[in-house]
Amino acid sequence: MPSASWSAPSDCSLPPTRRLTNVKMIEAFASGSAPDPAPRELAGVMEREREVLTLMAGGLTNTEVAAELVIRVATVKVYVGRLLSKLDARDRVQLVILACEAGLVSLSK
C-alpha cells in the first residue's frame, strides 16, 4: 500500500504538533495498523450513544442520524458531545476511527 503524503497549508489553524498527530493517526489507520497497541474500549458508552456513534461512523450527518433514530438534531449533538468527552476524542474523525477499531462499523464493502 502506498504511504499517504500530506502537508498542511501554511495558514492551517491547527498547531503543528496537533497536525502531526492527526496525520500520523490517519496514516496508521489507512495502513491497517492501529496507533495504540490495543483499541480503546467503549466502556461507559450507553446504548443510545453507541447507536449514534455507529450511524455517525457509517457516514450519516447529524440530521440523518436524527431522522433514523426519530430524535431531534439537538439531541444528536448532545450525544456526540458526550461521546467526544467519554472517549477522549478531539473530533468526529477520531470517533469514527474508534468505532472502526471497536468493530461497530467496517471499512470494507
Protein backbone atom coordinates (compact mmCIF):
# COMPACT_ATOMS: atom_id res chain seq x y z
CA MET A 1 0.00 0.00 0.00
CA PRO A 2 1.50 3.39 -0.90
CA SER A 3 2.15 5.66 2.03
CA ALA A 4 -0.02 8.68 2.48
CA SER A 5 1.59 12.01 1.83
CA TRP A 6 0.18 15.20 3.21
CA SER A 7 1.38 18.64 4.10
CA ALA A 8 -0.63 21.30 5.84
CA PRO A 9 -1.02 24.67 4.20
CA SER A 10 0.91 27.44 5.92
CA ASP A 11 -2.33 29.06 7.06
CA CYS A 12 -3.65 25.88 8.73
CA SER A 13 -5.33 26.79 12.02
CA LEU A 14 -4.14 23.72 13.94
CA PRO A 15 -0.88 23.95 15.86
CA PRO A 16 1.94 21.95 14.18
CA THR A 17 2.00 19.25 16.89
CA ARG A 18 -1.72 18.58 16.53
CA ARG A 19 -1.46 18.50 12.71
CA LEU A 20 1.33 15.94 13.00
CA THR A 21 -0.67 13.83 15.47
CA ASN A 22 -3.72 13.80 13.18
CA VAL A 23 -1.65 12.98 10.10
CA LYS A 24 0.15 10.12 11.86
CA MET A 25 -3.15 8.76 13.18
CA ILE A 26 -4.76 8.84 9.73
CA GLU A 27 -1.69 7.27 8.07
CA ALA A 28 -1.59 4.49 10.67
CA PHE A 29 -5.29 3.82 10.26
CA ALA A 30 -5.04 3.80 6.44
CA SER A 31 -2.13 1.35 6.54
CA GLY A 32 -4.11 -1.03 8.73
CA SER A 33 -2.04 -0.62 11.87
CA ALA A 34 -3.54 0.89 14.98
CA PRO A 35 -1.76 3.88 16.55
CA ASP A 36 -2.40 2.41 20.01
CA PRO A 37 -1.36 -1.15 20.96
CA ALA A 38 -5.00 -2.02 21.68
CA PRO A 39 -8.25 -0.37 20.59
CA ARG A 40 -9.94 1.71 23.24
CA GLU A 41 -12.88 0.13 24.94
CA LEU A 42 -16.27 1.70 24.61
CA ALA A 43 -16.88 1.19 28.32
CA GLY A 44 -19.22 3.74 29.78
CA VAL A 45 -20.93 4.41 26.44
CA MET A 46 -24.68 3.98 26.77
CA GLU A 47 -26.72 2.04 24.21
CA ARG A 48 -28.21 5.15 22.57
CA GLU A 49 -24.78 6.79 22.37
CA ARG A 50 -23.46 3.61 20.72
CA GLU A 51 -26.30 3.79 18.17
CA VAL A 52 -25.43 7.41 17.39
CA LEU A 53 -21.74 6.51 17.11
CA THR A 54 -22.47 3.61 14.76
CA LEU A 55 -24.64 5.72 12.47
CA MET A 56 -22.19 8.61 12.53
CA ALA A 57 -19.31 6.25 11.72
CA GLY A 58 -21.39 4.96 8.83
CA GLY A 59 -21.23 8.43 7.31
CA LEU A 60 -24.55 9.90 8.39
CA THR A 61 -24.87 13.59 9.22
CA ASN A 62 -26.47 14.79 12.45
CA THR A 63 -29.70 15.42 10.55
CA GLU A 64 -29.68 11.91 9.07
CA VAL A 65 -28.90 10.33 12.45
CA ALA A 66 -31.79 12.28 13.98
CA ALA A 67 -34.18 11.09 11.28
CA GLU A 68 -33.02 7.47 11.63
CA LEU A 69 -33.44 7.44 15.41
CA VAL A 70 -36.51 9.71 15.42
CA ILE A 71 -34.92 12.28 17.71
CA ARG A 72 -34.08 15.97 17.36
CA VAL A 73 -30.82 17.17 15.79
CA ALA A 74 -30.05 18.99 19.05
CA THR A 75 -30.27 15.65 20.87
CA VAL A 76 -27.82 14.07 18.40
CA LYS A 77 -25.42 16.94 19.10
CA VAL A 78 -25.70 16.25 22.83
CA TYR A 79 -24.87 12.57 22.23
CA VAL A 80 -21.91 13.49 20.02
CA GLY A 81 -20.62 15.83 22.71
CA ARG A 82 -20.94 13.11 25.34
CA LEU A 83 -19.11 10.65 23.08
CA LEU A 84 -16.29 13.13 22.50
CA SER A 85 -15.94 13.58 26.24
CA LYS A 86 -16.30 9.93 27.30
CA LEU A 87 -13.93 8.62 24.64
CA ASP A 88 -11.47 11.49 24.99
CA ALA A 89 -11.69 12.23 21.26
CA ARG A 90 -10.88 15.60 19.71
CA ASP A 91 -13.30 15.40 16.79
CA ARG A 92 -15.72 13.26 14.79
CA VAL A 93 -12.87 11.73 12.80
CA GLN A 94 -11.41 10.23 15.95
CA LEU A 95 -14.84 8.94 16.95
CA VAL A 96 -15.19 7.20 13.58
CA ILE A 97 -11.75 5.61 13.96
CA LEU A 98 -12.65 4.42 17.47
CA ALA A 99 -15.91 2.97 16.13
CA CYS A 100 -13.98 1.07 13.45
CA GLU A 101 -11.45 -0.20 15.99
CA ALA A 102 -14.27 -1.35 18.27
CA GLY A 103 -15.89 -3.25 15.40
CA LEU A 104 -19.04 -1.13 15.24
CA VAL A 105 -18.51 -0.49 11.53
CA SER A 106 -16.28 -1.92 8.84
CA LEU A 107 -14.50 -0.06 6.06
CA SER A 108 -14.85 -2.98 3.63
CA LYS A 109 -17.91 -3.10 1.42
